[in-house]
Amino acid sequence: MHSIVRILSVGIITCFSTIITVSHGHASESFQKKINDYFSLDLPQNPSTAYSWVVTSLPQNLALAGMDYREDKDCNGRLGCGGSLRVTFRVIQAGVGEIRLKYVRPFEPMPKDFKSYHIESR
């Protein structure tokens, strides 16, 4: 898995300013958001392995807005080719918390390892 996560955002105009800090490992990125704004994490995924991402913990200041798999551009429909899962969140209030995700197979026990992102919205 790649440790670099691309952070994308789509804004909705509201009255309240929010600063979001997303950090994972040594990498962190800050950007300004407003309550009800959206941001996304792109996570590497290959469905042909039967692995998929599951959100196991979500802070109270965020809501899960959607998950969308995107095949890599150079795959051209080839079997076994990977891509990324775009997980989109909506800022619903100020707060601090952690997003936890696990890369799992549905027919195996839940792994102990997880990917964690610290979220702070003010």
C-alpha atoms as a PDB file:
ATOM      1  CA  MET A   1       0.000   0.000   0.000  1.00  0.00           C
ATOM      2  CA  HIS A   2       1.188   3.479  -0.724  1.00  0.00           C
ATOM      3  CA  SER A   3       1.704   5.843   2.178  1.00  0.00           C
ATOM      4  CA  ILE A   4       0.881   8.880   0.074  1.00  0.00           C
ATOM      5  CA  VAL A   5      -2.768   9.764  -0.045  1.00  0.00           C
ATOM      6  CA  ARG A   6      -4.149  12.311  -2.435  1.00  0.00           C
ATOM      7  CA  ILE A   7      -6.616  14.606  -0.759  1.00  0.00           C
ATOM      8  CA  LEU A   8      -9.296  16.117  -2.931  1.00  0.00           C
ATOM      9  CA  SER A   9     -11.971  18.563  -1.981  1.00  0.00           C
ATOM     10  CA  VAL A  10     -15.243  19.858  -3.299  1.00  0.00           C
ATOM     11  CA  GLY A  11     -16.771  22.908  -1.635  1.00  0.00           C
ATOM     12  CA  ILE A  12     -20.307  23.915  -0.778  1.00  0.00           C
ATOM     13  CA  ILE A  13     -20.875  27.548   0.227  1.00  0.00           C
ATOM     14  CA  THR A  14     -21.890  28.005   3.873  1.00  0.00           C
ATOM     15  CA  CYS A  15     -21.304  30.552   6.621  1.00  0.00           C
ATOM     16  CA  PHE A  16     -18.894  28.732   8.968  1.00  0.00           C
ATOM     17  CA  SER A  17     -15.149  28.467   8.293  1.00  0.00           C
ATOM     18  CA  THR A  18     -13.383  25.227   9.220  1.00  0.00           C
ATOM     19  CA  ILE A  19      -9.723  24.250   8.966  1.00  0.00           C
ATOM     20  CA  ILE A  20      -9.173  20.552   8.308  1.00  0.00           C
ATOM     21  CA  THR A  21      -5.834  18.907   9.064  1.00  0.00           C
ATOM     22  CA  VAL A  22      -5.445  15.387   7.713  1.00  0.00           C
ATOM     23  CA  SER A  23      -2.313  13.491   8.711  1.00  0.00           C
ATOM     24  CA  HIS A  24      -1.122   9.943   8.104  1.00  0.00           C
ATOM     25  CA  GLY A  25       2.304   8.879   9.278  1.00  0.00           C
ATOM     26  CA  HIS A  26       4.735  11.691   8.538  1.00  0.00           C
ATOM     27  CA  ALA A  27       2.587  13.286   5.849  1.00  0.00           C
ATOM     28  CA  SER A  28      -0.042  15.875   6.659  1.00  0.00           C
ATOM     29  CA  GLU A  29      -1.987  18.403   4.686  1.00  0.00           C
ATOM     30  CA  SER A  30      -4.146  21.293   5.865  1.00  0.00           C
ATOM     31  CA  PHE A  31      -6.848  23.062   3.946  1.00  0.00           C
ATOM     32  CA  GLN A  32      -9.777  25.304   4.788  1.00  0.00           C
ATOM     33  CA  LYS A  33     -13.249  23.840   4.687  1.00  0.00           C
ATOM     34  CA  LYS A  34     -16.671  24.965   5.759  1.00  0.00           C
ATOM     35  CA  ILE A  35     -19.309  22.969   7.560  1.00  0.00           C
ATOM     36  CA  ASN A  36     -20.988  20.752   4.922  1.00  0.00           C
ATOM     37  CA  ASP A  37     -17.905  20.795   2.642  1.00  0.00           C
ATOM     38  CA  TYR A  38     -16.554  17.496   1.289  1.00  0.00           C
ATOM     39  CA  PHE A  39     -13.059  16.006   1.007  1.00  0.00           C
ATOM     40  CA  SER A  40     -11.820  12.641  -0.268  1.00  0.00           C
ATOM     41  CA  LEU A  41      -9.043  10.131   0.359  1.00  0.00           C
ATOM     42  CA  ASP A  42      -7.801   8.014  -2.570  1.00  0.00           C
ATOM     43  CA  LEU A  43      -6.617   4.581  -1.369  1.00  0.00           C
ATOM     44  CA  PRO A  44      -4.919   1.941  -3.556  1.00  0.00           C
ATOM     45  CA  GLN A  45      -7.123  -1.098  -4.171  1.00  0.00           C
ATOM     46  CA  ASN A  46      -7.223  -4.181  -6.395  1.00  0.00           C
ATOM     47  CA  PRO A  47     -10.653  -5.886  -6.374  1.00  0.00           C
ATOM     48  CA  SER A  48      -9.321  -9.003  -8.133  1.00  0.00           C
ATOM     49  CA  THR A  49      -7.577  -9.936  -4.847  1.00  0.00           C
ATOM     50  CA  ALA A  50     -10.950  -9.807  -3.016  1.00  0.00           C
ATOM     51  CA  TYR A  51      -9.556  -7.112  -0.713  1.00  0.00           C
ATOM     52  CA  SER A  52     -11.552  -3.956  -0.124  1.00  0.00           C
ATOM     53  CA  TRP A  53     -11.399  -0.990   2.247  1.00  0.00           C
ATOM     54  CA  VAL A  54     -13.777  -0.803   5.222  1.00  0.00           C
ATOM     55  CA  VAL A  55     -14.200   2.298   7.394  1.00  0.00           C
ATOM     56  CA  THR A  56     -14.061   0.909  10.949  1.00  0.00           C
ATOM     57  CA  SER A  57     -14.050   4.183  12.904  1.00  0.00           C
ATOM     58  CA  LEU A  58     -15.277   7.665  12.036  1.00  0.00           C
ATOM     59  CA  PRO A  59     -15.069  10.786  14.248  1.00  0.00           C
ATOM     60  CA  GLN A  60     -18.209  12.702  15.178  1.00  0.00           C
ATOM     61  CA  ASN A  61     -17.147  15.732  13.135  1.00  0.00           C
ATOM     62  CA  LEU A  62     -17.361  13.801   9.837  1.00  0.00           C
ATOM     63  CA  ALA A  63     -19.972  11.845   7.921  1.00  0.00           C
ATOM     64  CA  LEU A  64     -19.177   9.197   5.302  1.00  0.00           C
ATOM     65  CA  ALA A  65     -20.582  10.557   2.030  1.00  0.00           C
ATOM     66  CA  GLY A  66     -19.553   7.833  -0.412  1.00  0.00           C
ATOM     67  CA  MET A  67     -17.074   5.258  -1.681  1.00  0.00           C
ATOM     68  CA  ASP A  68     -16.256   4.899  -5.383  1.00  0.00           C
ATOM     69  CA  TYR A  69     -13.740   2.503  -7.024  1.00  0.00           C
ATOM     70  CA  ARG A  70     -11.786   3.854  -9.986  1.00  0.00           C
ATOM     71  CA  GLU A  71      -9.678   1.620 -12.231  1.00  0.00           C
ATOM     72  CA  ASP A  72      -6.183   2.902 -13.098  1.00  0.00           C
ATOM     73  CA  LYS A  73      -6.162   4.793 -16.400  1.00  0.00           C
ATOM     74  CA  ASP A  74      -3.704   2.406 -18.060  1.00  0.00           C
ATOM     75  CA  CYS A  75      -5.733  -0.742 -17.242  1.00  0.00           C
ATOM     76  CA  ASN A  76      -8.040  -0.582 -20.266  1.00  0.00           C
ATOM     77  CA  GLY A  77     -10.346  -3.175 -18.689  1.00  0.00           C
ATOM     78  CA  ARG A  78      -7.625  -5.814 -18.143  1.00  0.00           C
ATOM     79  CA  LEU A  79      -8.375  -8.407 -15.470  1.00  0.00           C
ATOM     80  CA  GLY A  80      -6.326  -8.133 -12.291  1.00  0.00           C
ATOM     81  CA  CYS A  81      -5.408  -4.512 -12.859  1.00  0.00           C
ATOM     82  CA  GLY A  82      -5.620  -2.261  -9.800  1.00  0.00           C
ATOM     83  CA  GLY A  83      -6.991   1.153  -9.119  1.00  0.00           C
ATOM     84  CA  SER A  84      -8.063   3.265  -6.181  1.00  0.00           C
ATOM     85  CA  LEU A  85     -11.012   3.661  -3.898  1.00  0.00           C
ATOM     86  CA  ARG A  86     -12.132   7.244  -3.369  1.00  0.00           C
ATOM     87  CA  VAL A  87     -13.657   7.609   0.099  1.00  0.00           C
ATOM     88  CA  THR A  88     -15.550  10.893   0.469  1.00  0.00           C
ATOM     89  CA  PHE A  89     -16.402  12.572   3.776  1.00  0.00           C
ATOM     90  CA  ARG A  90     -18.555  15.573   4.729  1.00  0.00           C
ATOM     91  CA  VAL A  91     -17.563  17.968   7.526  1.00  0.00           C
ATOM     92  CA  ILE A  92     -20.587  18.191   9.831  1.00  0.00           C
ATOM     93  CA  GLN A  93     -19.092  20.016  12.845  1.00  0.00           C
ATOM     94  CA  ALA A  94     -15.837  21.212  14.411  1.00  0.00           C
ATOM     95  CA  GLY A  95     -13.884  18.590  16.336  1.00  0.00           C
ATOM     96  CA  VAL A  96     -10.931  16.234  16.559  1.00  0.00           C
ATOM     97  CA  GLY A  97     -10.908  12.544  15.765  1.00  0.00           C
ATOM     98  CA  GLU A  98      -9.497   9.697  13.764  1.00  0.00           C
ATOM     99  CA  ILE A  99     -10.615   7.882  10.635  1.00  0.00           C
ATOM    100  CA  ARG A 100      -9.645   4.200  10.753  1.00  0.00           C
ATOM    101  CA  LEU A 101      -9.788   1.948   7.707  1.00  0.00           C
ATOM    102  CA  LYS A 102      -8.960  -1.721   7.234  1.00  0.00           C
ATOM    103  CA  TYR A 103      -8.044  -3.506   4.016  1.00  0.00           C
ATOM    104  CA  VAL A 104      -9.956  -6.777   4.335  1.00  0.00           C
ATOM    105  CA  ARG A 105     -11.282  -9.852   2.573  1.00  0.00           C
ATOM    106  CA  PRO A 106     -14.887 -10.759   3.450  1.00  0.00           C
ATOM    107  CA  PHE A 107     -14.049 -14.441   4.000  1.00  0.00           C
ATOM    108  CA  GLU A 108     -11.118 -13.857   6.406  1.00  0.00           C
ATOM    109  CA  PRO A 109     -11.045 -12.693  10.039  1.00  0.00           C
ATOM    110  CA  MET A 110     -10.802  -8.932  10.556  1.00  0.00           C
ATOM    111  CA  PRO A 111      -7.089  -7.999  10.580  1.00  0.00           C
ATOM    112  CA  LYS A 112      -5.564  -6.199  13.563  1.00  0.00           C
ATOM    113  CA  ASP A 113      -3.666  -3.718  11.370  1.00  0.00           C
ATOM    114  CA  PHE A 114      -5.431  -0.579  10.218  1.00  0.00           C
ATOM    115  CA  LYS A 115      -4.714   2.675   8.390  1.00  0.00           C
ATOM    116  CA  SER A 116      -5.333   5.752  10.500  1.00  0.00           C
ATOM    117  CA  TYR A 117      -5.877   9.429   9.601  1.00  0.00           C
ATOM    118  CA  HIS A 118      -5.982  12.119  12.280  1.00  0.00           C
ATOM    119  CA  ILE A 119      -8.697  14.690  11.534  1.00  0.00           C
ATOM    120  CA  GLU A 120      -8.973  18.115  13.137  1.00  0.00           C
ATOM    121  CA  SER A 121     -11.623  20.651  12.195  1.00  0.00           C
ATOM    122  CA  ARG A 122     -11.912  24.055  13.897  1.00  0.00           C
END
